[in-house]
C-alpha atoms as a PDB file:
ATOM      1  CA  UNK A   1     -21.423  -6.473   6.746  1.00  0.00           C
ATOM      2  CA  UNK A   2     -19.384  -7.410   4.036  1.00  0.00           C
ATOM      3  CA  UNK A   3     -20.800 -10.268   2.051  1.00  0.00           C
ATOM      4  CA  UNK A   4     -17.482 -12.384   0.172  1.00  0.00           C
ATOM      5  CA  UNK A   5     -17.870 -12.611  -3.448  1.00  0.00           C
ATOM      6  CA  UNK A   6     -20.042 -15.690  -4.494  1.00  0.00           C
ATOM      7  CA  UNK A   7     -17.971 -16.342  -7.935  1.00  0.00           C
ATOM      8  CA  UNK A   8     -15.257 -17.086  -5.901  1.00  0.00           C
ATOM      9  CA  UNK A   9     -13.540 -20.325  -5.406  1.00  0.00           C
ATOM     10  CA  UNK A  10     -14.070 -22.853  -2.640  1.00  0.00           C
ATOM     11  CA  UNK A  11     -10.774 -22.744  -1.289  1.00  0.00           C
ATOM     12  CA  UNK A  12     -10.501 -18.812  -1.856  1.00  0.00           C
ATOM     13  CA  UNK A  13     -13.428 -18.446   0.895  1.00  0.00           C
ATOM     14  CA  UNK A  14     -12.185 -20.880   3.398  1.00  0.00           C
ATOM     15  CA  UNK A  15      -9.069 -18.665   3.093  1.00  0.00           C
ATOM     16  CA  UNK A  16     -10.855 -15.943   3.549  1.00  0.00           C
ATOM     17  CA  UNK A  17     -12.833 -16.383   6.100  1.00  0.00           C
ATOM     18  CA  UNK A  18     -11.034 -18.201   9.206  1.00  0.00           C
ATOM     19  CA  UNK A  19      -7.453 -15.985   7.950  1.00  0.00           C
ATOM     20  CA  UNK A  20      -8.556 -12.804   6.058  1.00  0.00           C
ATOM     21  CA  UNK A  21     -10.931 -10.718   7.579  1.00  0.00           C
ATOM     22  CA  UNK A  22     -13.321  -8.451   5.926  1.00  0.00           C
ATOM     23  CA  UNK A  23     -13.904  -5.006   8.327  1.00  0.00           C
ATOM     24  CA  UNK A  24     -16.687  -2.411   7.824  1.00  0.00           C
ATOM     25  CA  UNK A  25     -15.094   0.845   8.699  1.00  0.00           C
ATOM     26  CA  UNK A  26     -17.881   2.639   8.679  1.00  0.00           C
ATOM     27  CA  UNK A  27     -17.981   2.390  11.873  1.00  0.00           C
ATOM     28  CA  UNK A  28     -14.717   4.987  12.204  1.00  0.00           C
ATOM     29  CA  UNK A  29     -16.639   7.584  11.241  1.00  0.00           C
ATOM     30  CA  UNK A  30     -19.958   7.471  13.055  1.00  0.00           C
ATOM     31  CA  UNK A  31     -20.029   8.872  16.549  1.00  0.00           C
ATOM     32  CA  UNK A  32     -20.283   6.478  18.717  1.00  0.00           C
ATOM     33  CA  UNK A  33     -17.585   5.609  20.648  1.00  0.00           C
ATOM     34  CA  UNK A  34     -18.952   1.800  20.338  1.00  0.00           C
ATOM     35  CA  UNK A  35     -19.079   1.918  16.747  1.00  0.00           C
ATOM     36  CA  UNK A  36     -15.312   2.899  16.582  1.00  0.00           C
ATOM     37  CA  UNK A  37     -14.581   0.526  18.899  1.00  0.00           C
ATOM     38  CA  UNK A  38     -15.626  -2.365  17.935  1.00  0.00           C
ATOM     39  CA  UNK A  39     -14.199  -1.758  14.111  1.00  0.00           C
ATOM     40  CA  UNK A  40     -10.825  -1.601  15.914  1.00  0.00           C
ATOM     41  CA  UNK A  41     -11.016  -4.085  18.095  1.00  0.00           C
ATOM     42  CA  UNK A  42     -11.271  -6.096  15.107  1.00  0.00           C
ATOM     43  CA  UNK A  43      -8.356  -3.858  13.050  1.00  0.00           C
ATOM     44  CA  UNK A  44      -6.241  -4.875  15.897  1.00  0.00           C
ATOM     45  CA  UNK A  45      -7.124  -8.724  16.253  1.00  0.00           C
ATOM     46  CA  UNK A  46      -6.051  -8.846  12.109  1.00  0.00           C
ATOM     47  CA  UNK A  47      -2.841  -6.886  12.785  1.00  0.00           C
ATOM     48  CA  UNK A  48      -1.931  -9.020  15.357  1.00  0.00           C
ATOM     49  CA  UNK A  49      -2.848 -12.252  13.039  1.00  0.00           C
ATOM     50  CA  UNK A  50      -2.391 -12.163   9.621  1.00  0.00           C
ATOM     51  CA  UNK A  51      -1.202  -8.979   9.028  1.00  0.00           C
ATOM     52  CA  UNK A  52      -3.792  -8.565   6.222  1.00  0.00           C
ATOM     53  CA  UNK A  53      -8.009  -7.350   5.572  1.00  0.00           C
ATOM     54  CA  UNK A  54     -10.326  -6.196   3.657  1.00  0.00           C
ATOM     55  CA  UNK A  55     -12.597  -3.315   4.182  1.00  0.00           C
ATOM     56  CA  UNK A  56     -15.924  -2.268   3.021  1.00  0.00           C
ATOM     57  CA  UNK A  57     -17.743   0.330   3.986  1.00  0.00           C
ATOM     58  CA  UNK A  58     -14.254   2.576   2.929  1.00  0.00           C
ATOM     59  CA  UNK A  59     -16.550   6.072   0.934  1.00  0.00           C
ATOM     60  CA  UNK A  60     -14.500   5.376  -1.759  1.00  0.00           C
ATOM     61  CA  UNK A  61     -17.196   6.575  -4.752  1.00  0.00           C
ATOM     62  CA  UNK A  62     -17.732   4.510  -7.262  1.00  0.00           C
ATOM     63  CA  UNK A  63     -16.805   6.321 -10.248  1.00  0.00           C
ATOM     64  CA  UNK A  64     -13.417   7.681  -8.523  1.00  0.00           C
ATOM     65  CA  UNK A  65     -12.556   3.986  -8.196  1.00  0.00           C
ATOM     66  CA  UNK A  66     -13.418   3.632 -12.407  1.00  0.00           C
ATOM     67  CA  UNK A  67     -11.924   6.657 -12.520  1.00  0.00           C
ATOM     68  CA  UNK A  68      -8.592   4.856 -11.224  1.00  0.00           C
ATOM     69  CA  UNK A  69      -8.424   1.924 -13.417  1.00  0.00           C
ATOM     70  CA  UNK A  70      -9.298   3.858 -16.295  1.00  0.00           C
ATOM     71  CA  UNK A  71      -6.286   6.048 -15.894  1.00  0.00           C
ATOM     72  CA  UNK A  72      -3.875   2.614 -15.463  1.00  0.00           C
ATOM     73  CA  UNK A  73      -5.085   1.263 -18.641  1.00  0.00           C
ATOM     74  CA  UNK A  74      -4.923   4.220 -20.750  1.00  0.00           C
ATOM     75  CA  UNK A  75      -1.426   5.434 -19.160  1.00  0.00           C
ATOM     76  CA  UNK A  76       0.434   1.468 -20.011  1.00  0.00           C
ATOM     77  CA  UNK A  77      -1.266   1.209 -23.562  1.00  0.00           C
ATOM     78  CA  UNK A  78       0.969   4.704 -24.091  1.00  0.00           C
ATOM     79  CA  UNK A  79       4.118   3.484 -26.384  1.00  0.00           C
ATOM     80  CA  UNK A  80       7.217   2.036 -24.741  1.00  0.00           C
ATOM     81  CA  UNK A  81       9.063   5.924 -25.701  1.00  0.00           C
ATOM     82  CA  UNK A  82       6.111   7.786 -23.701  1.00  0.00           C
ATOM     83  CA  UNK A  83       6.530   5.482 -20.411  1.00  0.00           C
ATOM     84  CA  UNK A  84       9.927   5.659 -20.110  1.00  0.00           C
ATOM     85  CA  UNK A  85      10.289  10.224 -20.781  1.00  0.00           C
ATOM     86  CA  UNK A  86       8.497   9.793 -17.154  1.00  0.00           C
ATOM     87  CA  UNK A  87      11.134   6.836 -15.644  1.00  0.00           C
ATOM     88  CA  UNK A  88      11.464   7.010 -11.643  1.00  0.00           C
ATOM     89  CA  UNK A  89      14.937   6.983 -12.820  1.00  0.00           C
ATOM     90  CA  UNK A  90      14.233  10.916 -13.128  1.00  0.00           C
ATOM     91  CA  UNK A  91      12.573  11.960  -9.439  1.00  0.00           C
ATOM     92  CA  UNK A  92      14.925  11.058  -6.215  1.00  0.00           C
ATOM     93  CA  UNK A  93      11.637  11.316  -5.190  1.00  0.00           C
ATOM     94  CA  UNK A  94       9.878   7.090  -5.847  1.00  0.00           C
ATOM     95  CA  UNK A  95       7.775   9.259  -8.139  1.00  0.00           C
ATOM     96  CA  UNK A  96       7.570   8.012 -12.007  1.00  0.00           C
ATOM     97  CA  UNK A  97       7.486   4.653 -14.489  1.00  0.00           C
ATOM     98  CA  UNK A  98       8.485   1.459 -13.213  1.00  0.00           C
ATOM     99  CA  UNK A  99       9.840  -0.361 -16.256  1.00  0.00           C
ATOM    100  CA  UNK A 100       9.725  -4.291 -16.647  1.00  0.00           C
ATOM    101  CA  UNK A 101      12.235  -5.898 -14.799  1.00  0.00           C
ATOM    102  CA  UNK A 102      13.591  -2.532 -12.609  1.00  0.00           C
ATOM    103  CA  UNK A 103      12.656  -4.179  -9.542  1.00  0.00           C
ATOM    104  CA  UNK A 104      13.550  -7.103  -8.191  1.00  0.00           C
ATOM    105  CA  UNK A 105      10.931  -7.585  -4.559  1.00  0.00           C
ATOM    106  CA  UNK A 106      12.795 -10.865  -3.639  1.00  0.00           C
ATOM    107  CA  UNK A 107      16.358 -10.609  -3.906  1.00  0.00           C
ATOM    108  CA  UNK A 108      16.625 -14.296  -4.584  1.00  0.00           C
ATOM    109  CA  UNK A 109      13.960 -14.608  -7.263  1.00  0.00           C
ATOM    110  CA  UNK A 110      13.685 -13.438 -10.871  1.00  0.00           C
ATOM    111  CA  UNK A 111      12.988  -9.223 -11.567  1.00  0.00           C
ATOM    112  CA  UNK A 112       9.592  -8.886 -11.141  1.00  0.00           C
ATOM    113  CA  UNK A 113       7.097  -9.004 -14.165  1.00  0.00           C
ATOM    114  CA  UNK A 114       5.966  -6.016 -13.791  1.00  0.00           C
ATOM    115  CA  UNK A 115       5.759  -1.919 -14.958  1.00  0.00           C
ATOM    116  CA  UNK A 116       4.251   0.274 -12.489  1.00  0.00           C
ATOM    117  CA  UNK A 117       3.336   4.262 -12.031  1.00  0.00           C
ATOM    118  CA  UNK A 118       4.182   6.323  -8.510  1.00  0.00           C
ATOM    119  CA  UNK A 119       2.103   9.400  -7.326  1.00  0.00           C
ATOM    120  CA  UNK A 120       2.740  11.277  -4.906  1.00  0.00           C
ATOM    121  CA  UNK A 121       1.431  13.637  -2.515  1.00  0.00           C
ATOM    122  CA  UNK A 122       0.552  16.936  -5.533  1.00  0.00           C
ATOM    123  CA  UNK A 123       2.747  19.595  -4.158  1.00  0.00           C
ATOM    124  CA  UNK A 124       3.444  22.348  -6.051  1.00  0.00           C
ATOM    125  CA  UNK A 125       6.956  23.334  -7.185  1.00  0.00           C
ATOM    126  CA  UNK A 126       7.085  26.435  -4.930  1.00  0.00           C
ATOM    127  CA  UNK A 127       5.927  24.335  -2.544  1.00  0.00           C
ATOM    128  CA  UNK A 128       8.157  25.391   0.693  1.00  0.00           C
ATOM    129  CA  UNK A 129       8.971  21.559   1.225  1.00  0.00           C
ATOM    130  CA  UNK A 130      10.299  21.508  -1.525  1.00  0.00           C
ATOM    131  CA  UNK A 131      12.288  24.526  -2.241  1.00  0.00           C
ATOM    132  CA  UNK A 132      13.672  23.175   0.939  1.00  0.00           C
ATOM    133  CA  UNK A 133      14.725  20.493  -0.412  1.00  0.00           C
ATOM    134  CA  UNK A 134      12.870  18.462   2.314  1.00  0.00           C
ATOM    135  CA  UNK A 135      13.058  14.621   1.376  1.00  0.00           C
ATOM    136  CA  UNK A 136      10.744  12.595  -0.552  1.00  0.00           C
ATOM    137  CA  UNK A 137       9.422  15.549  -1.060  1.00  0.00           C
ATOM    138  CA  UNK A 138       9.428  16.719  -5.224  1.00  0.00           C
ATOM    139  CA  UNK A 139       6.523  17.592  -8.000  1.00  0.00           C
ATOM    140  CA  UNK A 140       4.462  14.654  -9.706  1.00  0.00           C
ATOM    141  CA  UNK A 141       5.041  12.662 -13.304  1.00  0.00           C
ATOM    142  CA  UNK A 142       2.777  13.689 -15.361  1.00  0.00           C
ATOM    143  CA  UNK A 143       1.480  11.487 -18.836  1.00  0.00           C
ATOM    144  CA  UNK A 144      -0.255  14.491 -21.468  1.00  0.00           C
ATOM    145  CA  UNK A 145      -3.227  12.221 -21.156  1.00  0.00           C
ATOM    146  CA  UNK A 146      -6.914  14.354 -21.212  1.00  0.00           C
ATOM    147  CA  UNK A 147      -8.182  14.708 -17.488  1.00  0.00           C
ATOM    148  CA  UNK A 148      -5.690  12.038 -16.680  1.00  0.00           C
ATOM    149  CA  UNK A 149      -4.440  13.716 -13.502  1.00  0.00           C
ATOM    150  CA  UNK A 150      -7.509  14.924 -12.090  1.00  0.00           C
ATOM    151  CA  UNK A 151      -8.372  10.813 -11.935  1.00  0.00           C
ATOM    152  CA  UNK A 152      -5.502   9.962 -10.198  1.00  0.00           C
ATOM    153  CA  UNK A 153      -5.866  12.805  -7.653  1.00  0.00           C
ATOM    154  CA  UNK A 154      -9.401  12.272  -7.332  1.00  0.00           C
ATOM    155  CA  UNK A 155      -8.439   8.897  -6.229  1.00  0.00           C
ATOM    156  CA  UNK A 156      -5.702   9.622  -3.871  1.00  0.00           C
ATOM    157  CA  UNK A 157      -7.563  11.874  -2.040  1.00  0.00           C
ATOM    158  CA  UNK A 158     -10.000   9.218  -1.604  1.00  0.00           C
ATOM    159  CA  UNK A 159      -7.386   7.039  -0.017  1.00  0.00           C
ATOM    160  CA  UNK A 160      -6.149   9.736   1.978  1.00  0.00           C
ATOM    161  CA  UNK A 161      -9.251   9.911   4.043  1.00  0.00           C
ATOM    162  CA  UNK A 162      -9.879   6.289   4.241  1.00  0.00           C
ATOM    163  CA  UNK A 163      -6.080   5.586   5.179  1.00  0.00           C
ATOM    164  CA  UNK A 164      -6.720   8.879   8.245  1.00  0.00           C
ATOM    165  CA  UNK A 165     -10.588   6.341   9.168  1.00  0.00           C
ATOM    166  CA  UNK A 166      -8.177   3.248   9.795  1.00  0.00           C
ATOM    167  CA  UNK A 167      -5.263   5.186  11.728  1.00  0.00           C
ATOM    168  CA  UNK A 168      -7.802   6.519  13.702  1.00  0.00           C
ATOM    169  CA  UNK A 169      -8.667   3.050  14.310  1.00  0.00           C
ATOM    170  CA  UNK A 170      -5.284   1.652  14.969  1.00  0.00           C
ATOM    171  CA  UNK A 171      -4.731   4.443  17.390  1.00  0.00           C
ATOM    172  CA  UNK A 172      -7.284   3.574  19.636  1.00  0.00           C
ATOM    173  CA  UNK A 173      -6.848  -0.602  19.557  1.00  0.00           C
ATOM    174  CA  UNK A 174      -3.478   0.165  21.131  1.00  0.00           C
ATOM    175  CA  UNK A 175      -4.214   2.251  23.601  1.00  0.00           C
ATOM    176  CA  UNK A 176      -3.484   5.961  22.126  1.00  0.00           C
ATOM    177  CA  UNK A 177      -6.156   9.065  21.563  1.00  0.00           C
ATOM    178  CA  UNK A 178      -7.679   8.704  18.458  1.00  0.00           C
ATOM    179  CA  UNK A 179      -5.735  11.897  16.543  1.00  0.00           C
ATOM    180  CA  UNK A 180      -2.426  10.296  17.901  1.00  0.00           C
ATOM    181  CA  UNK A 181      -1.352   9.478  14.311  1.00  0.00           C
ATOM    182  CA  UNK A 182      -3.273  12.039  12.777  1.00  0.00           C
ATOM    183  CA  UNK A 183      -0.189  15.086  12.300  1.00  0.00           C
ATOM    184  CA  UNK A 184       1.754  11.900  11.151  1.00  0.00           C
ATOM    185  CA  UNK A 185       0.049  10.941   8.185  1.00  0.00           C
ATOM    186  CA  UNK A 186      -1.271  14.817   7.019  1.00  0.00           C
ATOM    187  CA  UNK A 187       0.836  14.984   5.055  1.00  0.00           C
ATOM    188  CA  UNK A 188       1.828  11.986   4.103  1.00  0.00           C
ATOM    189  CA  UNK A 189       5.482  10.259   1.295  1.00  0.00           C
ATOM    190  CA  UNK A 190       2.625   8.266   0.600  1.00  0.00           C
ATOM    191  CA  UNK A 191       2.644   7.073  -2.872  1.00  0.00           C
ATOM    192  CA  UNK A 192       0.088   6.035  -5.311  1.00  0.00           C
ATOM    193  CA  UNK A 193       0.826   3.133  -7.161  1.00  0.00           C
ATOM    194  CA  UNK A 194      -0.757   1.959 -10.557  1.00  0.00           C
ATOM    195  CA  UNK A 195       0.150  -2.000 -11.591  1.00  0.00           C
ATOM    196  CA  UNK A 196       0.288  -3.688 -14.877  1.00  0.00           C
ATOM    197  CA  UNK A 197       0.997  -7.637 -14.943  1.00  0.00           C
ATOM    198  CA  UNK A 198       1.056  -9.068 -18.333  1.00  0.00           C
ATOM    199  CA  UNK A 199      -0.417 -11.981 -19.004  1.00  0.00           C
ATOM    200  CA  UNK A 200       0.902 -15.700 -19.131  1.00  0.00           C
ATOM    201  CA  UNK A 201       1.334 -17.320 -22.013  1.00  0.00           C
ATOM    202  CA  UNK A 202       1.138 -21.081 -20.902  1.00  0.00           C
ATOM    203  CA  UNK A 203      -1.748 -21.562 -17.696  1.00  0.00           C
ATOM    204  CA  UNK A 204       1.080 -22.205 -14.817  1.00  0.00           C
ATOM    205  CA  UNK A 205       3.674 -20.773 -15.900  1.00  0.00           C
ATOM    206  CA  UNK A 206       6.078 -20.024 -12.709  1.00  0.00           C
ATOM    207  CA  UNK A 207       7.241 -16.511 -12.900  1.00  0.00           C
ATOM    208  CA  UNK A 208       6.553 -14.378 -10.512  1.00  0.00           C
ATOM    209  CA  UNK A 209       4.834 -10.695 -11.209  1.00  0.00           C
ATOM    210  CA  UNK A 210       6.150  -9.810  -7.458  1.00  0.00           C
ATOM    211  CA  UNK A 211       8.369 -11.367  -5.645  1.00  0.00           C
ATOM    212  CA  UNK A 212       7.461 -12.070  -1.924  1.00  0.00           C
ATOM    213  CA  UNK A 213       7.991  -8.972   0.203  1.00  0.00           C
ATOM    214  CA  UNK A 214       6.978  -6.881   3.711  1.00  0.00           C
ATOM    215  CA  UNK A 215       5.475  -2.907   2.786  1.00  0.00           C
ATOM    216  CA  UNK A 216       8.171  -1.186   3.796  1.00  0.00           C
ATOM    217  CA  UNK A 217       5.552   2.321   5.289  1.00  0.00           C
ATOM    218  CA  UNK A 218       2.231   1.493   7.776  1.00  0.00           C
ATOM    219  CA  UNK A 219      -0.686   0.864   5.529  1.00  0.00           C
ATOM    220  CA  UNK A 220      -1.476  -0.277   2.030  1.00  0.00           C
ATOM    221  CA  UNK A 221      -5.157  -0.513   0.349  1.00  0.00           C
ATOM    222  CA  UNK A 222      -5.011  -2.416  -2.727  1.00  0.00           C
ATOM    223  CA  UNK A 223      -7.442  -2.346  -5.161  1.00  0.00           C
ATOM    224  CA  UNK A 224      -7.629  -4.949  -8.055  1.00  0.00           C
ATOM    225  CA  UNK A 225      -9.791  -5.795 -11.286  1.00  0.00           C
ATOM    226  CA  UNK A 226     -10.556  -9.305 -10.959  1.00  0.00           C
ATOM    227  CA  UNK A 227      -8.013 -10.983 -11.734  1.00  0.00           C
ATOM    228  CA  UNK A 228      -6.146 -13.992  -9.175  1.00  0.00           C
ATOM    229  CA  UNK A 229      -3.222 -13.316  -8.905  1.00  0.00           C
ATOM    230  CA  UNK A 230      -2.513 -11.654  -4.481  1.00  0.00           C
ATOM    231  CA  UNK A 231      -1.142 -14.547  -2.650  1.00  0.00           C
ATOM    232  CA  UNK A 232      -0.487 -13.805   1.808  1.00  0.00           C
ATOM    233  CA  UNK A 233       1.662 -16.100   3.586  1.00  0.00           C
ATOM    234  CA  UNK A 234       0.227 -17.257   6.706  1.00  0.00           C
ATOM    235  CA  UNK A 235       2.678 -17.682   9.896  1.00  0.00           C
ATOM    236  CA  UNK A 236       2.343 -21.668   9.562  1.00  0.00           C
ATOM    237  CA  UNK A 237       4.763 -20.436   6.020  1.00  0.00           C
ATOM    238  CA  UNK A 238       1.348 -21.936   3.825  1.00  0.00           C
ATOM    239  CA  UNK A 239       0.171 -19.285   1.037  1.00  0.00           C
ATOM    240  CA  UNK A 240      -3.154 -18.068   0.723  1.00  0.00           C
ATOM    241  CA  UNK A 241      -4.884 -16.501  -2.607  1.00  0.00           C
ATOM    242  CA  UNK A 242      -6.695 -14.362  -1.608  1.00  0.00           C
ATOM    243  CA  UNK A 243      -9.731 -13.461  -3.602  1.00  0.00           C
ATOM    244  CA  UNK A 244     -10.698 -10.566  -5.335  1.00  0.00           C
ATOM    245  CA  UNK A 245     -14.204  -9.253  -2.988  1.00  0.00           C
ATOM    246  CA  UNK A 246     -16.469  -6.887  -5.099  1.00  0.00           C
ATOM    247  CA  UNK A 247     -16.723  -3.457  -3.542  1.00  0.00           C
ATOM    248  CA  UNK A 248     -13.967  -4.249  -0.773  1.00  0.00           C
ATOM    249  CA  UNK A 249     -10.432  -2.572  -0.542  1.00  0.00           C
ATOM    250  CA  UNK A 250      -7.476  -5.670   0.847  1.00  0.00           C
ATOM    251  CA  UNK A 251      -5.402  -3.300   3.286  1.00  0.00           C
ATOM    252  CA  UNK A 252      -2.397  -4.566   5.151  1.00  0.00           C
ATOM    253  CA  UNK A 253       0.761  -3.676   7.844  1.00  0.00           C
ATOM    254  CA  UNK A 254       3.747  -2.873   7.037  1.00  0.00           C
ATOM    255  CA  UNK A 255       7.449  -2.393   8.570  1.00  0.00           C
ATOM    256  CA  UNK A 256       7.447   0.699   9.571  1.00  0.00           C
ATOM    257  CA  UNK A 257       4.093   0.200  11.491  1.00  0.00           C
ATOM    258  CA  UNK A 258       5.283  -3.086  13.050  1.00  0.00           C
ATOM    259  CA  UNK A 259       8.577  -0.495  13.846  1.00  0.00           C
ATOM    260  CA  UNK A 260       5.968   1.771  15.626  1.00  0.00           C
ATOM    261  CA  UNK A 261       4.280  -0.552  17.618  1.00  0.00           C
ATOM    262  CA  UNK A 262       7.320  -2.608  18.339  1.00  0.00           C
ATOM    263  CA  UNK A 263       6.362  -5.435  16.382  1.00  0.00           C
ATOM    264  CA  UNK A 264       2.555  -5.898  18.222  1.00  0.00           C
ATOM    265  CA  UNK A 265       1.371  -4.980  15.044  1.00  0.00           C
ATOM    266  CA  UNK A 266       3.248  -7.714  12.087  1.00  0.00           C
ATOM    267  CA  UNK A 267       3.505  -6.964   8.156  1.00  0.00           C
ATOM    268  CA  UNK A 268       2.996  -9.962   6.683  1.00  0.00           C
ATOM    269  CA  UNK A 269       4.983 -11.309   3.268  1.00  0.00           C
ATOM    270  CA  UNK A 270       2.745 -11.704  -0.154  1.00  0.00           C
ATOM    271  CA  UNK A 271       3.795 -11.834  -3.704  1.00  0.00           C
ATOM    272  CA  UNK A 272       2.033 -11.613  -6.637  1.00  0.00           C
ATOM    273  CA  UNK A 273       1.674 -14.849  -9.097  1.00  0.00           C
ATOM    274  CA  UNK A 274       1.897 -13.943 -13.117  1.00  0.00           C
ATOM    275  CA  UNK A 275      -1.593 -13.840 -14.221  1.00  0.00           C
ATOM    276  CA  UNK A 276      -3.274 -16.078 -17.134  1.00  0.00           C
ATOM    277  CA  UNK A 277      -4.382 -12.815 -18.266  1.00  0.00           C
ATOM    278  CA  UNK A 278      -3.095  -9.007 -18.182  1.00  0.00           C
ATOM    279  CA  UNK A 279      -3.920  -7.836 -14.716  1.00  0.00           C
ATOM    280  CA  UNK A 280      -4.259  -4.755 -13.381  1.00  0.00           C
ATOM    281  CA  UNK A 281      -3.982  -3.519  -9.484  1.00  0.00           C
ATOM    282  CA  UNK A 282      -3.718  -0.033  -7.881  1.00  0.00           C
ATOM    283  CA  UNK A 283      -1.818  -0.018  -4.286  1.00  0.00           C
ATOM    284  CA  UNK A 284      -2.009   3.299  -1.557  1.00  0.00           C
ATOM    285  CA  UNK A 285       1.257   2.776   0.155  1.00  0.00           C
ATOM    286  CA  UNK A 286       0.238   5.376   2.997  1.00  0.00           C
ATOM    287  CA  UNK A 287       3.490   5.762   4.941  1.00  0.00           C
ATOM    288  CA  UNK A 288       4.133   8.362   7.201  1.00  0.00           C
ATOM    289  CA  UNK A 289       5.096  12.245   6.793  1.00  0.00           C
ATOM    290  CA  UNK A 290       8.634  12.529   6.018  1.00  0.00           C
ATOM    291  CA  UNK A 291       9.702  14.460   9.432  1.00  0.00           C
ATOM    292  CA  UNK A 292       7.438  12.104  11.467  1.00  0.00           C
ATOM    293  CA  UNK A 293       9.611   9.867  14.445  1.00  0.00           C
ATOM    294  CA  UNK A 294       8.905   6.306  13.835  1.00  0.00           C
ATOM    295  CA  UNK A 295       9.547   5.124  18.029  1.00  0.00           C
ATOM    296  CA  UNK A 296       8.422   2.176  19.889  1.00  0.00           C
ATOM    297  CA  UNK A 297       5.009   3.465  21.521  1.00  0.00           C
ATOM    298  CA  UNK A 298       5.290   4.026  25.474  1.00  0.00           C
ATOM    299  CA  UNK A 299       1.257   2.117  24.978  1.00  0.00           C
ATOM    300  CA  UNK A 300       3.220  -0.979  23.276  1.00  0.00           C
ATOM    301  CA  UNK A 301       6.049  -1.778  25.649  1.00  0.00           C
ATOM    302  CA  UNK A 302       5.690  -4.012  29.027  1.00  0.00           C
ATOM    303  CA  UNK A 303       7.389  -2.094  32.187  1.00  0.00           C
ATOM    304  CA  UNK A 304      10.640  -2.941  31.836  1.00  0.00           C
ATOM    305  CA  UNK A 305      10.670  -3.538  27.848  1.00  0.00           C
ATOM    306  CA  UNK A 306      13.608  -2.190  25.440  1.00  0.00           C
ATOM    307  CA  UNK A 307      12.114  -0.864  21.928  1.00  0.00           C
ATOM    308  CA  UNK A 308      13.089  -3.501  19.309  1.00  0.00           C
ATOM    309  CA  UNK A 309      13.762  -0.268  17.226  1.00  0.00           C
ATOM    310  CA  UNK A 310      15.781   2.455  17.004  1.00  0.00           C
ATOM    311  CA  UNK A 311      14.214   5.618  16.286  1.00  0.00           C
ATOM    312  CA  UNK A 312      13.941   6.436  13.093  1.00  0.00           C
ATOM    313  CA  UNK A 313      12.185   9.426  11.294  1.00  0.00           C
ATOM    314  CA  UNK A 314       9.519   8.060   8.107  1.00  0.00           C
ATOM    315  CA  UNK A 315      12.075   9.580   5.451  1.00  0.00           C
ATOM    316  CA  UNK A 316      14.797   8.167   6.472  1.00  0.00           C
ATOM    317  CA  UNK A 317      13.529   4.948   6.940  1.00  0.00           C
ATOM    318  CA  UNK A 318      11.805   5.445   3.397  1.00  0.00           C
ATOM    319  CA  UNK A 319      14.893   6.258   2.303  1.00  0.00           C
ATOM    320  CA  UNK A 320      17.279   2.430   3.508  1.00  0.00           C
ATOM    321  CA  UNK A 321      13.978   0.858   2.124  1.00  0.00           C
ATOM    322  CA  UNK A 322      13.974   2.329  -1.478  1.00  0.00           C
ATOM    323  CA  UNK A 323      18.032   2.242  -1.736  1.00  0.00           C
ATOM    324  CA  UNK A 324      17.801  -1.631  -1.597  1.00  0.00           C
ATOM    325  CA  UNK A 325      15.254  -1.446  -4.698  1.00  0.00           C
ATOM    326  CA  UNK A 326      16.258   0.850  -6.932  1.00  0.00           C
ATOM    327  CA  UNK A 327      19.708   1.265  -7.910  1.00  0.00           C
ATOM    328  CA  UNK A 328      19.603   5.237  -9.027  1.00  0.00           C
ATOM    329  CA  UNK A 329      19.151   5.567  -5.248  1.00  0.00           C
ATOM    330  CA  UNK A 330      21.400   3.549  -3.167  1.00  0.00           C
ATOM    331  CA  UNK A 331      24.368   5.652  -1.722  1.00  0.00           C
ATOM    332  CA  UNK A 332      27.553   7.266  -4.381  1.00  0.00           C
ATOM    333  CA  UNK A 333      24.776   6.756  -8.001  1.00  0.00           C
ATOM    334  CA  UNK A 334      25.681   9.024 -10.517  1.00  0.00           C
END
């Protein structure tokens, strides 16, 4: 079983132990059906309750983990002009650099105090889906840094394997065939996002690194550098700190999976406090294949119960959410 960070605060321990469970997902890769069923049940319980969970036994090699954080630090240390040359405004496919103040995840708060860089599924320019103009299918924008692309792609690929494992657990918990999500998540609109939050000069500053929000897609896999910041809102409205746990990732489900399960799984609001010292994190947003149809699963409907949401493709849903965040994606934008 995974262990908590012994240096975490007692308050953090209490919140983690009682509200955000730790799940060893290595059992999902075992041939023993009982082991897979046990992990699936733990995932299902977490998704029905707090909507967040830690995972260990994830299989991501430590050198790959270190490599992506090194890549993040190297990129964000570039001059502003070099980063802006790769601006997300150059891409209609949610790729590239997001500068400070560009995003406001909580529309009632100040702009987020963070910068980010988005990488999607690494497709060649002559990929048939790109040539056909499929939504959310485009080339990545790459900085001119030696070894950078290889390090980032290695981590993306590792997260791809992990999200497929976890989706097998979701499927089993929801009464579906374990491979139900496999052909809906094999060429996903997944985004790997490198994040940098500058340190705050005054301890106790009230600005938010990322405003209160829920995630858009199916599953988020978050790696942190040990600097505190992530907070999760419990169902009763109490905000919990989600402490860093060495060797573990913190995961949460998003609004698209909530739609798929007809609200049996519930996505949870969360935010990032502005840290006193600078903070790096890496989020993998496992959004489904663009053409995957998101509709209430039969196993999630009681007899005679109507779906709460109309069917929609993953691409249509993500474009709706992204256009609410980025001005250059709004209808009619130049």
